[in-house]
C-alpha cells in the first residue's frame, strides 16, 4: 500500500489495506517514494502472530537473526514483481535520518549512501560485502525493534534488487 495525496503519510500505521481502522495497520511504501525510484522505503508494524507483520524482521540487526532473512518480493498490481536480496540490517533510534534519503544522482551515489549506512550499523555482518557495485534499486524495511509499543528503537533491513 501507499498513502495517496489526500491521505496522511502514516495512514497505514493504523489502517488496513481497505482503509478500515486497524491496530496492526499494514506494510506501506513511504508516500514520498515512487515505485520506479531507486529507494523504496517500507514501514510495517511488529506484531507477533500477524501474517502481514514485520515481526520476523525486528531482531534482524543480530547476525544470527539476519542469517534467517530470505529474499523480499514486492508484488505490483499489474502482476509483475521485484525481488531483492538482504544486504544488511541495523538497530537505530527512530530519529535516524540517513534512511530518509530518497533521491540519487546515479548508481555511484547510491553505493556511497549504502557504504555510509554501513558505517552506522549496530551489528557488523558479512552480508554488507554483498552490496552490488552498481546498485539500481534498494528496498528498506523498517519496523520496531522492541515488543513494547511506543519505544524508540527501530530495525532497518536493507535489500538490493536481484
Protein backbone atom coordinates (compact mmCIF):
# COMPACT_ATOMS: atom_id res chain seq x y z
CA UNK A 1 0.00 0.00 0.00
CA UNK A 2 0.99 3.63 -0.39
CA UNK A 3 -0.80 6.67 1.02
CA UNK A 4 -2.32 8.90 -1.65
CA UNK A 5 -2.07 12.68 -1.88
CA UNK A 6 -5.31 13.07 0.11
CA UNK A 7 -4.25 10.58 2.83
CA UNK A 8 -1.95 11.29 5.81
CA UNK A 9 1.60 9.94 5.26
CA UNK A 10 1.27 7.49 8.19
CA UNK A 11 -2.30 6.39 7.36
CA UNK A 12 -1.45 2.69 7.06
CA UNK A 13 0.16 2.54 10.50
CA UNK A 14 -3.36 2.20 11.90
CA UNK A 15 -5.48 1.28 8.86
CA UNK A 16 -5.68 -1.90 6.82
CA UNK A 17 -5.42 -2.16 3.03
CA UNK A 18 -9.12 -1.36 2.67
CA UNK A 19 -8.92 1.79 4.79
CA UNK A 20 -10.53 0.29 7.89
CA UNK A 21 -9.07 1.23 11.29
CA UNK A 22 -6.68 -1.50 12.47
CA UNK A 23 -4.18 -1.58 15.32
CA UNK A 24 -1.99 -3.78 13.12
CA UNK A 25 -2.08 -1.41 10.15
CA UNK A 26 -0.42 -2.84 7.05
CA UNK A 27 3.02 -2.51 5.44
CA UNK A 28 3.20 0.60 3.29
CA UNK A 29 5.53 2.43 0.94
CA UNK A 30 6.60 5.88 2.11
CA UNK A 31 4.38 8.48 0.43
CA UNK A 32 7.48 10.28 -0.92
CA UNK A 33 8.65 7.19 -2.83
CA UNK A 34 7.98 6.36 -6.45
CA UNK A 35 7.74 2.63 -7.17
CA UNK A 36 10.03 3.24 -10.15
CA UNK A 37 12.53 5.14 -7.97
CA UNK A 38 15.86 3.95 -6.64
CA UNK A 39 14.98 3.68 -2.94
CA UNK A 40 11.77 2.04 -1.76
CA UNK A 41 11.19 2.74 1.95
CA UNK A 42 8.55 0.48 3.50
CA UNK A 43 7.22 0.62 7.06
CA UNK A 44 5.41 -2.13 8.93
CA UNK A 45 4.43 -3.00 12.49
CA UNK A 46 6.00 -5.68 14.59
CA UNK A 47 3.07 -7.82 15.75
CA UNK A 48 3.53 -11.39 16.93
CA UNK A 49 1.34 -13.83 15.04
CA UNK A 50 0.12 -11.33 12.44
CA UNK A 51 0.69 -12.54 8.88
CA UNK A 52 1.16 -9.03 7.44
CA UNK A 53 3.63 -8.05 10.15
CA UNK A 54 7.37 -7.39 10.15
CA UNK A 55 7.78 -9.42 13.37
CA UNK A 56 10.44 -11.68 11.80
CA UNK A 57 12.49 -8.62 10.81
CA UNK A 58 12.60 -6.98 14.24
CA UNK A 59 15.65 -8.93 15.52
CA UNK A 60 17.45 -8.84 12.13
CA UNK A 61 20.14 -6.48 13.47
CA UNK A 62 21.55 -9.56 15.21
CA UNK A 63 23.82 -11.63 12.90
CA UNK A 64 22.06 -14.91 13.76
CA UNK A 65 18.62 -13.47 13.02
CA UNK A 66 19.90 -11.76 9.88
CA UNK A 67 21.13 -15.11 8.56
CA UNK A 68 17.50 -16.28 8.57
CA UNK A 69 16.21 -13.37 6.47
CA UNK A 70 15.30 -14.50 2.99
CA UNK A 71 14.61 -12.56 -0.15
CA UNK A 72 11.96 -9.86 -0.22
CA UNK A 73 9.41 -9.69 -3.03
CA UNK A 74 7.20 -6.75 -3.95
CA UNK A 75 4.17 -7.76 -5.98
CA UNK A 76 2.72 -4.99 -8.13
CA UNK A 77 -0.90 -4.52 -9.15
CA UNK A 78 -0.05 -5.27 -12.79
CA UNK A 79 1.00 -8.82 -11.83
CA UNK A 80 4.75 -8.21 -12.05
CA UNK A 81 7.11 -8.43 -9.11
CA UNK A 82 10.53 -7.26 -7.96
CA UNK A 83 12.91 -9.47 -5.97
CA UNK A 84 15.52 -8.22 -3.51
CA UNK A 85 18.27 -9.92 -1.51
CA UNK A 86 19.15 -8.81 2.01
CA UNK A 87 22.42 -6.88 2.27
CA UNK A 88 22.38 -5.59 5.83
CA UNK A 89 20.50 -4.64 8.94
CA UNK A 90 20.86 -2.30 11.88
CA UNK A 91 19.13 -1.11 15.01
CA UNK A 92 18.76 2.66 15.33
CA UNK A 93 16.76 5.32 17.15
CA UNK A 94 13.51 6.38 15.45
CA UNK A 95 15.10 9.78 14.75
CA UNK A 96 17.72 8.23 12.43
CA UNK A 97 17.68 10.45 9.35
CA UNK A 98 20.05 8.73 6.91
CA UNK A 99 17.34 6.26 5.90
CA UNK A 100 15.14 9.12 4.66
CA UNK A 101 17.27 9.70 1.56
CA UNK A 102 15.13 9.01 -1.50
CA UNK A 103 16.84 10.83 -4.39
CA UNK A 104 20.14 9.85 -6.02
CA UNK A 105 22.12 11.16 -8.97
CA UNK A 106 23.41 7.78 -10.19
CA UNK A 107 24.38 4.28 -9.02
CA UNK A 108 27.68 5.60 -7.64
CA UNK A 109 25.70 7.96 -5.41
CA UNK A 110 23.56 5.03 -4.25
CA UNK A 111 26.66 2.98 -3.45
CA UNK A 112 28.20 5.86 -1.48
CA UNK A 113 24.98 6.17 0.53
CA UNK A 114 24.90 2.43 1.23
CA UNK A 115 28.52 2.47 2.40
CA UNK A 116 27.75 5.40 4.71
CA UNK A 117 24.80 3.41 6.06
CA UNK A 118 27.19 0.54 6.69
CA UNK A 119 29.27 2.73 8.98
CA UNK A 120 26.14 3.43 11.07
CA UNK A 121 25.15 -0.19 11.53
CA UNK A 122 24.70 -1.50 15.05
CA UNK A 123 25.89 -5.02 14.19
CA UNK A 124 28.59 -5.95 11.70
CA UNK A 125 27.52 -8.65 9.32
CA UNK A 126 29.35 -10.18 6.37
CA UNK A 127 26.29 -9.60 4.17
CA UNK A 128 27.38 -5.97 3.71
CA UNK A 129 30.13 -7.28 1.44
CA UNK A 130 27.38 -8.42 -0.93
CA UNK A 131 26.38 -4.86 -1.85
CA UNK A 132 26.25 -4.73 -5.65
CA UNK A 133 28.90 -2.47 -7.19
CA UNK A 134 26.19 -0.94 -9.39
CA UNK A 135 23.02 -0.89 -7.24
CA UNK A 136 19.94 0.23 -9.15
CA UNK A 137 17.12 -0.32 -6.65
CA UNK A 138 17.23 -0.59 -2.87
CA UNK A 139 14.39 -1.75 -0.64
CA UNK A 140 14.44 -0.72 3.01
CA UNK A 141 12.07 -2.32 5.50
CA UNK A 142 11.58 -0.54 8.84
CA UNK A 143 9.90 -1.88 11.97
CA UNK A 144 10.07 -1.57 15.76
CA UNK A 145 12.95 -3.33 17.49
CA UNK A 146 11.14 -3.80 20.78
CA UNK A 147 7.96 -5.58 21.79
CA UNK A 148 6.57 -2.70 23.87
CA UNK A 149 4.70 -0.08 21.82
CA UNK A 150 5.98 3.47 21.92
CA UNK A 151 9.67 2.64 22.27
CA UNK A 152 12.19 4.45 20.07
CA UNK A 153 14.23 1.51 18.73
CA UNK A 154 13.85 0.64 15.04
CA UNK A 155 15.20 -2.21 12.98
CA UNK A 156 16.19 -1.35 9.44
CA UNK A 157 16.79 -4.10 6.89
CA UNK A 158 18.30 -3.16 3.54
CA UNK A 159 17.83 -5.21 0.37
CA UNK A 160 19.25 -4.81 -3.13
CA UNK A 161 17.34 -5.77 -6.26
CA UNK A 162 18.41 -9.08 -7.80
